[in-house]
Amino acid sequence: TGGSLRLSCAASGSIFSINYMGWFRQALGKQREFVASITS
């Protein structure tokens, strides 16, 4: 608790044309939850 992590996401091809990218998370027994988004 109180610590930090840096997650990475590598794409196989160009992301220039992809407007929205981001992150969801899913805890055990729960539905997927929106975490963050970023536009191009």
ModelCIF file with pLDDT and N, C-alpha, C, O atoms, coordinates in Angstrom:
data_MODEL
#
_entry.id   MODEL 
#
_entity.id                         1 
_entity.type                       polymer 
_entity.pdbx_number_of_molecules   1 
#
_entity_poly.entity_id                      1 
_entity_poly.type                           'polypeptide(L)' 
_entity_poly.nstd_linkage                   no 
_entity_poly.nstd_monomer                   no 
_entity_poly.pdbx_seq_one_letter_code       TGGSLRLSCAASGSIFSINYMGWFRQALGKQREFVASITS 
_entity_poly.pdbx_seq_one_letter_code_can   TGGSLRLSCAASGSIFSINYMGWFRQALGKQREFVASITS 
_entity_poly.pdbx_strand_id                 A 
#
loop_
_entity_poly_seq.entity_id 
_entity_poly_seq.num 
_entity_poly_seq.mon_id 
_entity_poly_seq.hetero 
1 1  THR n 
1 2  GLY n 
1 3  GLY n 
1 4  SER n 
1 5  LEU n 
1 6  ARG n 
1 7  LEU n 
1 8  SER n 
1 9  CYS n 
1 10 ALA n 
1 11 ALA n 
1 12 SER n 
1 13 GLY n 
1 14 SER n 
1 15 ILE n 
1 16 PHE n 
1 17 SER n 
1 18 ILE n 
1 19 ASN n 
1 20 TYR n 
1 21 MET n 
1 22 GLY n 
1 23 TRP n 
1 24 PHE n 
1 25 ARG n 
1 26 GLN n 
1 27 ALA n 
1 28 LEU n 
1 29 GLY n 
1 30 LYS n 
1 31 GLN n 
1 32 ARG n 
1 33 GLU n 
1 34 PHE n 
1 35 VAL n 
1 36 ALA n 
1 37 SER n 
1 38 ILE n 
1 39 THR n 
1 40 SER n 
#
_struct_asym.id          A 
_struct_asym.entity_id   1 
#
loop_
_ma_qa_metric.id 
_ma_qa_metric.mode 
_ma_qa_metric.name 
_ma_qa_metric.software_group_id 
_ma_qa_metric.type 
1 global pLDDT . pLDDT 
2 local  pLDDT . pLDDT 
#
_ma_qa_metric_global.metric_id      1 
_ma_qa_metric_global.metric_value   95.78 
_ma_qa_metric_global.model_id       1 
_ma_qa_metric_global.ordinal_id     1 
#
loop_
_ma_qa_metric_local.label_asym_id 
_ma_qa_metric_local.label_comp_id 
_ma_qa_metric_local.label_seq_id 
_ma_qa_metric_local.metric_id 
_ma_qa_metric_local.metric_value 
_ma_qa_metric_local.model_id 
_ma_qa_metric_local.ordinal_id 
A THR 1  2 98.00 1 1  
A GLY 2  2 98.00 1 2  
A GLY 3  2 98.00 1 3  
A SER 4  2 98.00 1 4  
A LEU 5  2 98.00 1 5  
A ARG 6  2 98.00 1 6  
A LEU 7  2 98.00 1 7  
A SER 8  2 98.00 1 8  
A CYS 9  2 98.00 1 9  
A ALA 10 2 97.00 1 10 
A ALA 11 2 95.00 1 11 
A SER 12 2 93.00 1 12 
A GLY 13 2 87.00 1 13 
A SER 14 2 90.00 1 14 
A ILE 15 2 91.00 1 15 
A PHE 16 2 88.00 1 16 
A SER 17 2 90.00 1 17 
A ILE 18 2 92.00 1 18 
A ASN 19 2 92.00 1 19 
A TYR 20 2 95.00 1 20 
A MET 21 2 97.00 1 21 
A GLY 22 2 98.00 1 22 
A TRP 23 2 98.00 1 23 
A PHE 24 2 98.00 1 24 
A ARG 25 2 98.00 1 25 
A GLN 26 2 98.00 1 26 
A ALA 27 2 98.00 1 27 
A LEU 28 2 95.00 1 28 
A GLY 29 2 95.00 1 29 
A LYS 30 2 96.00 1 30 
A GLN 31 2 96.00 1 31 
A ARG 32 2 96.00 1 32 
A GLU 33 2 98.00 1 33 
A PHE 34 2 98.00 1 34 
A VAL 35 2 98.00 1 35 
A ALA 36 2 98.00 1 36 
A SER 37 2 98.00 1 37 
A ILE 38 2 97.00 1 38 
A THR 39 2 96.00 1 39 
A SER 40 2 93.00 1 40 
#
loop_
_atom_site.group_PDB 
_atom_site.id 
_atom_site.type_symbol 
_atom_site.label_atom_id 
_atom_site.label_alt_id 
_atom_site.label_comp_id 
_atom_site.label_asym_id 
_atom_site.label_entity_id 
_atom_site.label_seq_id 
_atom_site.pdbx_PDB_ins_code 
_atom_site.Cartn_x 
_atom_site.Cartn_y 
_atom_site.Cartn_z 
_atom_site.occupancy 
_atom_site.B_iso_or_equiv 
_atom_site.pdbx_formal_charge 
_atom_site.auth_seq_id 
_atom_site.auth_comp_id 
_atom_site.auth_asym_id 
_atom_site.auth_atom_id 
_atom_site.pdbx_PDB_model_num 
ATOM 1   N N  . THR A 1 1  ? 0.836   -1.193  0.000   1.00 98.00 ? 1  THR A N  1 
ATOM 2   C CA . THR A 1 1  ? 0.000   0.000   0.000   1.00 98.00 ? 1  THR A CA 1 
ATOM 3   C C  . THR A 1 1  ? 0.878   1.252   0.000   1.00 98.00 ? 1  THR A C  1 
ATOM 4   O O  . THR A 1 1  ? 1.817   1.364   0.788   1.00 98.00 ? 1  THR A O  1 
ATOM 5   N N  . GLY A 1 2  ? 0.561   2.187   -0.889  1.00 98.00 ? 2  GLY A N  1 
ATOM 6   C CA . GLY A 1 2  ? 1.342   3.405   -1.022  1.00 98.00 ? 2  GLY A CA 1 
ATOM 7   C C  . GLY A 1 2  ? 2.445   3.332   -2.048  1.00 98.00 ? 2  GLY A C  1 
ATOM 8   O O  . GLY A 1 2  ? 3.071   4.347   -2.356  1.00 98.00 ? 2  GLY A O  1 
ATOM 9   N N  . GLY A 1 3  ? 2.697   2.153   -2.585  1.00 98.00 ? 3  GLY A N  1 
ATOM 10  C CA . GLY A 1 3  ? 3.743   1.973   -3.567  1.00 98.00 ? 3  GLY A CA 1 
ATOM 11  C C  . GLY A 1 3  ? 3.320   2.376   -4.965  1.00 98.00 ? 3  GLY A C  1 
ATOM 12  O O  . GLY A 1 3  ? 2.214   2.875   -5.177  1.00 98.00 ? 3  GLY A O  1 
ATOM 13  N N  . SER A 1 4  ? 4.225   2.151   -5.929  1.00 98.00 ? 4  SER A N  1 
ATOM 14  C CA . SER A 1 4  ? 4.002   2.555   -7.313  1.00 98.00 ? 4  SER A CA 1 
ATOM 15  C C  . SER A 1 4  ? 4.341   1.435   -8.276  1.00 98.00 ? 4  SER A C  1 
ATOM 16  O O  . SER A 1 4  ? 5.187   0.586   -7.993  1.00 98.00 ? 4  SER A O  1 
ATOM 17  N N  . LEU A 1 5  ? 3.670   1.443   -9.421  1.00 98.00 ? 5  LEU A N  1 
ATOM 18  C CA . LEU A 1 5  ? 3.965   0.557   -10.529 1.00 98.00 ? 5  LEU A CA 1 
ATOM 19  C C  . LEU A 1 5  ? 3.768   1.325   -11.823 1.00 98.00 ? 5  LEU A C  1 
ATOM 20  O O  . LEU A 1 5  ? 2.969   2.259   -11.889 1.00 98.00 ? 5  LEU A O  1 
ATOM 21  N N  . ARG A 1 6  ? 4.503   0.924   -12.852 1.00 98.00 ? 6  ARG A N  1 
ATOM 22  C CA . ARG A 1 6  ? 4.342   1.493   -14.181 1.00 98.00 ? 6  ARG A CA 1 
ATOM 23  C C  . ARG A 1 6  ? 4.037   0.367   -15.158 1.00 98.00 ? 6  ARG A C  1 
ATOM 24  O O  . ARG A 1 6  ? 4.882   -0.494  -15.402 1.00 98.00 ? 6  ARG A O  1 
ATOM 25  N N  . LEU A 1 7  ? 2.839   0.372   -15.712 1.00 98.00 ? 7  LEU A N  1 
ATOM 26  C CA . LEU A 1 7  ? 2.419   -0.625  -16.675 1.00 98.00 ? 7  LEU A CA 1 
ATOM 27  C C  . LEU A 1 7  ? 2.715   -0.142  -18.087 1.00 98.00 ? 7  LEU A C  1 
ATOM 28  O O  . LEU A 1 7  ? 2.601   1.047   -18.386 1.00 98.00 ? 7  LEU A O  1 
ATOM 29  N N  . SER A 1 8  ? 3.098   -1.078  -18.952 1.00 98.00 ? 8  SER A N  1 
ATOM 30  C CA . SER A 1 8  ? 3.385   -0.770  -20.342 1.00 98.00 ? 8  SER A CA 1 
ATOM 31  C C  . SER A 1 8  ? 2.450   -1.547  -21.253 1.00 98.00 ? 8  SER A C  1 
ATOM 32  O O  . SER A 1 8  ? 2.025   -2.654  -20.924 1.00 98.00 ? 8  SER A O  1 
ATOM 33  N N  . CYS A 1 9  ? 2.135   -0.965  -22.390 1.00 98.00 ? 9  CYS A N  1 
ATOM 34  C CA . CYS A 1 9  ? 1.319   -1.610  -23.411 1.00 98.00 ? 9  CYS A CA 1 
ATOM 35  C C  . CYS A 1 9  ? 1.985   -1.387  -24.753 1.00 98.00 ? 9  CYS A C  1 
ATOM 36  O O  . CYS A 1 9  ? 2.084   -0.253  -25.222 1.00 98.00 ? 9  CYS A O  1 
ATOM 37  N N  . ALA A 1 10 ? 2.442   -2.465  -25.373 1.00 97.00 ? 10 ALA A N  1 
ATOM 38  C CA . ALA A 1 10 ? 3.123   -2.392  -26.659 1.00 97.00 ? 10 ALA A CA 1 
ATOM 39  C C  . ALA A 1 10 ? 2.185   -2.843  -27.767 1.00 97.00 ? 10 ALA A C  1 
ATOM 40  O O  . ALA A 1 10 ? 1.553   -3.894  -27.660 1.00 97.00 ? 10 ALA A O  1 
ATOM 41  N N  . ALA A 1 11 ? 2.093   -2.059  -28.818 1.00 95.00 ? 11 ALA A N  1 
ATOM 42  C CA . ALA A 1 11 ? 1.252   -2.375  -29.964 1.00 95.00 ? 11 ALA A CA 1 
ATOM 43  C C  . ALA A 1 11 ? 2.084   -2.970  -31.086 1.00 95.00 ? 11 ALA A C  1 
ATOM 44  O O  . ALA A 1 11 ? 3.243   -2.603  -31.277 1.00 95.00 ? 11 ALA A O  1 
ATOM 45  N N  . SER A 1 12 ? 1.482   -3.892  -31.827 1.00 93.00 ? 12 SER A N  1 
ATOM 46  C CA . SER A 1 12 ? 2.190   -4.574  -32.903 1.00 93.00 ? 12 SER A CA 1 
ATOM 47  C C  . SER A 1 12 ? 2.366   -3.713  -34.139 1.00 93.00 ? 12 SER A C  1 
ATOM 48  O O  . SER A 1 12 ? 3.260   -3.959  -34.949 1.00 93.00 ? 12 SER A O  1 
ATOM 49  N N  . GLY A 1 13 ? 1.521   -2.706  -34.289 1.00 87.00 ? 13 GLY A N  1 
ATOM 50  C CA . GLY A 1 13 ? 1.574   -1.836  -35.444 1.00 87.00 ? 13 GLY A CA 1 
ATOM 51  C C  . GLY A 1 13 ? 1.375   -0.387  -35.059 1.00 87.00 ? 13 GLY A C  1 
ATOM 52  O O  . GLY A 1 13 ? 1.340   -0.044  -33.878 1.00 87.00 ? 13 GLY A O  1 
ATOM 53  N N  . SER A 1 14 ? 1.245   0.451   -36.055 1.00 90.00 ? 14 SER A N  1 
ATOM 54  C CA . SER A 1 14 ? 1.110   1.886   -35.836 1.00 90.00 ? 14 SER A CA 1 
ATOM 55  C C  . SER A 1 14 ? -0.150  2.227   -35.051 1.00 90.00 ? 14 SER A C  1 
ATOM 56  O O  . SER A 1 14 ? -1.214  1.651   -35.280 1.00 90.00 ? 14 SER A O  1 
ATOM 57  N N  . ILE A 1 15 ? -0.014  3.176   -34.118 1.00 91.00 ? 15 ILE A N  1 
ATOM 58  C CA . ILE A 1 15 ? -1.161  3.656   -33.362 1.00 91.00 ? 15 ILE A CA 1 
ATOM 59  C C  . ILE A 1 15 ? -1.481  5.110   -33.690 1.00 91.00 ? 15 ILE A C  1 
ATOM 60  O O  . ILE A 1 15 ? -2.316  5.727   -33.028 1.00 91.00 ? 15 ILE A O  1 
ATOM 61  N N  . PHE A 1 16 ? -0.825  5.658   -34.703 1.00 88.00 ? 16 PHE A N  1 
ATOM 62  C CA . PHE A 1 16 ? -1.075  7.051   -35.078 1.00 88.00 ? 16 PHE A CA 1 
ATOM 63  C C  . PHE A 1 16 ? -2.548  7.314   -35.359 1.00 88.00 ? 16 PHE A C  1 
ATOM 64  O O  . PHE A 1 16 ? -3.081  8.356   -34.977 1.00 88.00 ? 16 PHE A O  1 
ATOM 65  N N  . SER A 1 17 ? -3.202  6.373   -36.023 1.00 90.00 ? 17 SER A N  1 
ATOM 66  C CA . SER A 1 17 ? -4.582  6.565   -36.446 1.00 90.00 ? 17 SER A CA 1 
ATOM 67  C C  . SER A 1 17 ? -5.605  6.128   -35.403 1.00 90.00 ? 17 SER A C  1 
ATOM 68  O O  . SER A 1 17 ? -6.808  6.283   -35.616 1.00 90.00 ? 17 SER A O  1 
ATOM 69  N N  . ILE A 1 18 ? -5.143  5.584   -34.281 1.00 92.00 ? 18 ILE A N  1 
ATOM 70  C CA . ILE A 1 18 ? -6.052  5.130   -33.229 1.00 92.00 ? 18 ILE A CA 1 
ATOM 71  C C  . ILE A 1 18 ? -6.307  6.279   -32.268 1.00 92.00 ? 18 ILE A C  1 
ATOM 72  O O  . ILE A 1 18 ? -5.415  6.690   -31.525 1.00 92.00 ? 18 ILE A O  1 
ATOM 73  N N  . ASN A 1 19 ? -7.531  6.795   -32.288 1.00 92.00 ? 19 ASN A N  1 
ATOM 74  C CA . ASN A 1 19 ? -7.839  7.963   -31.480 1.00 92.00 ? 19 ASN A CA 1 
ATOM 75  C C  . ASN A 1 19 ? -7.816  7.652   -29.984 1.00 92.00 ? 19 ASN A C  1 
ATOM 76  O O  . ASN A 1 19 ? -7.101  8.309   -29.227 1.00 92.00 ? 19 ASN A O  1 
ATOM 77  N N  . TYR A 1 20 ? -8.592  6.657   -29.553 1.00 95.00 ? 20 TYR A N  1 
ATOM 78  C CA . TYR A 1 20 ? -8.705  6.340   -28.135 1.00 95.00 ? 20 TYR A CA 1 
ATOM 79  C C  . TYR A 1 20 ? -7.906  5.099   -27.784 1.00 95.00 ? 20 TYR A C  1 
ATOM 80  O O  . TYR A 1 20 ? -8.026  4.059   -28.432 1.00 95.00 ? 20 TYR A O  1 
ATOM 81  N N  . MET A 1 21 ? -7.095  5.222   -26.757 1.00 97.00 ? 21 MET A N  1 
ATOM 82  C CA . MET A 1 21 ? -6.432  4.101   -26.128 1.00 97.00 ? 21 MET A CA 1 
ATOM 83  C C  . MET A 1 21 ? -6.571  4.264   -24.624 1.00 97.00 ? 21 MET A C  1 
ATOM 84  O O  . MET A 1 21 ? -6.831  5.361   -24.131 1.00 97.00 ? 21 MET A O  1 
ATOM 85  N N  . GLY A 1 22 ? -6.396  3.172   -23.900 1.00 98.00 ? 22 GLY A N  1 
ATOM 86  C CA . GLY A 1 22 ? -6.504  3.300   -22.464 1.00 98.00 ? 22 GLY A CA 1 
ATOM 87  C C  . GLY A 1 22 ? -6.418  1.983   -21.731 1.00 98.00 ? 22 GLY A C  1 
ATOM 88  O O  . GLY A 1 22 ? -5.884  0.996   -22.239 1.00 98.00 ? 22 GLY A O  1 
ATOM 89  N N  . TRP A 1 23 ? -6.962  1.989   -20.512 1.00 98.00 ? 23 TRP A N  1 
ATOM 90  C CA . TRP A 1 23 ? -6.852  0.855   -19.598 1.00 98.00 ? 23 TRP A CA 1 
ATOM 91  C C  . TRP A 1 23 ? -8.170  0.593   -18.898 1.00 98.00 ? 23 TRP A C  1 
ATOM 92  O O  . TRP A 1 23 ? -8.871  1.519   -18.490 1.00 98.00 ? 23 TRP A O  1 
ATOM 93  N N  . PHE A 1 24 ? -8.496  -0.682  -18.763 1.00 98.00 ? 24 PHE A N  1 
ATOM 94  C CA . PHE A 1 24 ? -9.538  -1.176  -17.885 1.00 98.00 ? 24 PHE A CA 1 
ATOM 95  C C  . PHE A 1 24 ? -8.894  -2.124  -16.890 1.00 98.00 ? 24 PHE A C  1 
ATOM 96  O O  . PHE A 1 24 ? -7.781  -2.603  -17.106 1.00 98.00 ? 24 PHE A O  1 
ATOM 97  N N  . ARG A 1 25 ? -9.599  -2.390  -15.801 1.00 98.00 ? 25 ARG A N  1 
ATOM 98  C CA . ARG A 1 25 ? -9.136  -3.389  -14.845 1.00 98.00 ? 25 ARG A CA 1 
ATOM 99  C C  . ARG A 1 25 ? -10.305 -4.253  -14.410 1.00 98.00 ? 25 ARG A C  1 
ATOM 100 O O  . ARG A 1 25 ? -11.462 -3.837  -14.473 1.00 98.00 ? 25 ARG A O  1 
ATOM 101 N N  . GLN A 1 26 ? -9.985  -5.461  -13.968 1.00 98.00 ? 26 GLN A N  1 
ATOM 102 C CA . GLN A 1 26 ? -11.009 -6.385  -13.517 1.00 98.00 ? 26 GLN A CA 1 
ATOM 103 C C  . GLN A 1 26 ? -10.517 -7.115  -12.274 1.00 98.00 ? 26 GLN A C  1 
ATOM 104 O O  . GLN A 1 26 ? -9.569  -7.898  -12.330 1.00 98.00 ? 26 GLN A O  1 
ATOM 105 N N  . ALA A 1 27 ? -11.176 -6.844  -11.154 1.00 98.00 ? 27 ALA A N  1 
ATOM 106 C CA . ALA A 1 27 ? -10.886 -7.541  -9.905  1.00 98.00 ? 27 ALA A CA 1 
ATOM 107 C C  . ALA A 1 27 ? -11.658 -8.853  -9.864  1.00 98.00 ? 27 ALA A C  1 
ATOM 108 O O  . ALA A 1 27 ? -12.663 -9.016  -10.556 1.00 98.00 ? 27 ALA A O  1 
ATOM 109 N N  . LEU A 1 28 ? -11.178 -9.784  -9.048  1.00 95.00 ? 28 LEU A N  1 
ATOM 110 C CA . LEU A 1 28 ? -11.843 -11.078 -8.919  1.00 95.00 ? 28 LEU A CA 1 
ATOM 111 C C  . LEU A 1 28 ? -13.294 -10.895 -8.511  1.00 95.00 ? 28 LEU A C  1 
ATOM 112 O O  . LEU A 1 28 ? -13.593 -10.177 -7.557  1.00 95.00 ? 28 LEU A O  1 
ATOM 113 N N  . GLY A 1 29 ? -14.186 -11.542 -9.230  1.00 95.00 ? 29 GLY A N  1 
ATOM 114 C CA . GLY A 1 29 ? -15.598 -11.492 -8.909  1.00 95.00 ? 29 GLY A CA 1 
ATOM 115 C C  . GLY A 1 29 ? -16.306 -10.218 -9.304  1.00 95.00 ? 29 GLY A C  1 
ATOM 116 O O  . GLY A 1 29 ? -17.478 -10.039 -8.972  1.00 95.00 ? 29 GLY A O  1 
ATOM 117 N N  . LYS A 1 30 ? -15.623 -9.322  -10.011 1.00 96.00 ? 30 LYS A N  1 
ATOM 118 C CA . LYS A 1 30 ? -16.214 -8.051  -10.402 1.00 96.00 ? 30 LYS A CA 1 
ATOM 119 C C  . LYS A 1 30 ? -16.136 -7.851  -11.912 1.00 96.00 ? 30 LYS A C  1 
ATOM 120 O O  . LYS A 1 30 ? -15.370 -8.520  -12.605 1.00 96.00 ? 30 LYS A O  1 
ATOM 121 N N  . GLN A 1 31 ? -16.938 -6.924  -12.400 1.00 96.00 ? 31 GLN A N  1 
ATOM 122 C CA . GLN A 1 31 ? -16.931 -6.586  -13.816 1.00 96.00 ? 31 GLN A CA 1 
ATOM 123 C C  . GLN A 1 31 ? -15.754 -5.672  -14.144 1.00 96.00 ? 31 GLN A C  1 
ATOM 124 O O  . GLN A 1 31 ? -15.153 -5.059  -13.262 1.00 96.00 ? 31 GLN A O  1 
ATOM 125 N N  . ARG A 1 32 ? -15.447 -5.599  -15.419 1.00 96.00 ? 32 ARG A N  1 
ATOM 126 C CA . ARG A 1 32 ? -14.367 -4.753  -15.878 1.00 96.00 ? 32 ARG A CA 1 
ATOM 127 C C  . ARG A 1 32 ? -14.695 -3.279  -15.613 1.00 96.00 ? 32 ARG A C  1 
ATOM 128 O O  . ARG A 1 32 ? -15.817 -2.831  -15.848 1.00 96.00 ? 32 ARG A O  1 
ATOM 129 N N  . GLU A 1 33 ? -13.700 -2.535  -15.122 1.00 98.00 ? 33 GLU A N  1 
ATOM 130 C CA . GLU A 1 33 ? -13.862 -1.150  -14.707 1.00 98.00 ? 33 GLU A CA 1 
ATOM 131 C C  . GLU A 1 33 ? -12.930 -0.242  -15.501 1.00 98.00 ? 33 GLU A C  1 
ATOM 132 O O  . GLU A 1 33 ? -11.749 -0.545  -15.665 1.00 98.00 ? 33 GLU A O  1 
ATOM 133 N N  . PHE A 1 34 ? -13.462 0.861   -15.986 1.00 98.00 ? 34 PHE A N  1 
ATOM 134 C CA . PHE A 1 34 ? -12.662 1.851   -16.704 1.00 98.00 ? 34 PHE A CA 1 
ATOM 135 C C  . PHE A 1 34 ? -11.644 2.498   -15.775 1.00 98.00 ? 34 PHE A C  1 
ATOM 136 O O  . PHE A 1 34 ? -11.971 2.847   -14.640 1.00 98.00 ? 34 PHE A O  1 
ATOM 137 N N  . VAL A 1 35 ? -10.413 2.658   -16.250 1.00 98.00 ? 35 VAL A N  1 
ATOM 138 C CA . VAL A 1 35 ? -9.323  3.216   -15.455 1.00 98.00 ? 35 VAL A CA 1 
ATOM 139 C C  . VAL A 1 35 ? -8.806  4.521   -16.033 1.00 98.00 ? 35 VAL A C  1 
ATOM 140 O O  . VAL A 1 35 ? -8.614  5.489   -15.298 1.00 98.00 ? 35 VAL A O  1 
ATOM 141 N N  . ALA A 1 36 ? -8.576  4.560   -17.344 1.00 98.00 ? 36 ALA A N  1 
ATOM 142 C CA . ALA A 1 36 ? -8.003  5.750   -17.957 1.00 98.00 ? 36 ALA A CA 1 
ATOM 143 C C  . ALA A 1 36 ? -8.112  5.661   -19.466 1.00 98.00 ? 36 ALA A C  1 
ATOM 144 O O  . ALA A 1 36 ? -8.148  4.566   -20.027 1.00 98.00 ? 36 ALA A O  1 
ATOM 145 N N  . SER A 1 37 ? -8.166  6.808   -20.127 1.00 98.00 ? 37 SER A N  1 
ATOM 146 C CA . SER A 1 37 ? -8.121  6.858   -21.579 1.00 98.00 ? 37 SER A CA 1 
ATOM 147 C C  . SER A 1 37 ? -7.277  8.040   -22.021 1.00 98.00 ? 37 SER A C  1 
ATOM 148 O O  . SER A 1 37 ? -7.080  8.999   -21.275 1.00 98.00 ? 37 SER A O  1 
ATOM 149 N N  . ILE A 1 38 ? -6.784  7.952   -23.250 1.00 97.00 ? 38 ILE A N  1 
ATOM 150 C CA . ILE A 1 38 ? -5.992  9.025   -23.834 1.00 97.00 ? 38 ILE A CA 1 
ATOM 151 C C  . ILE A 1 38 ? -6.231  9.047   -25.332 1.00 97.00 ? 38 ILE A C  1 
ATOM 152 O O  . ILE A 1 38 ? -6.231  7.999   -25.978 1.00 97.00 ? 38 ILE A O  1 
ATOM 153 N N  . THR A 1 39 ? -6.432  10.229  -25.886 1.00 96.00 ? 39 THR A N  1 
ATOM 154 C CA . THR A 1 39 ? -6.619  10.372  -27.324 1.00 96.00 ? 39 THR A CA 1 
ATOM 155 C C  . THR A 1 39 ? -5.278  10.478  -28.020 1.00 96.00 ? 39 THR A C  1 
ATOM 156 O O  . THR A 1 39 ? -4.240  10.635  -27.376 1.00 96.00 ? 39 THR A O  1 
ATOM 157 N N  . SER A 1 40 ? -5.309  10.392  -29.337 1.00 93.00 ? 40 SER A N  1 
ATOM 158 C CA . SER A 1 40 ? -4.078  10.526  -30.106 1.00 93.00 ? 40 SER A CA 1 
ATOM 159 C C  . SER A 1 40 ? -3.423  11.883  -29.892 1.00 93.00 ? 40 SER A C  1 
ATOM 160 O O  . SER A 1 40 ? -2.372  12.160  -30.470 1.00 93.00 ? 40 SER A O  1 
#
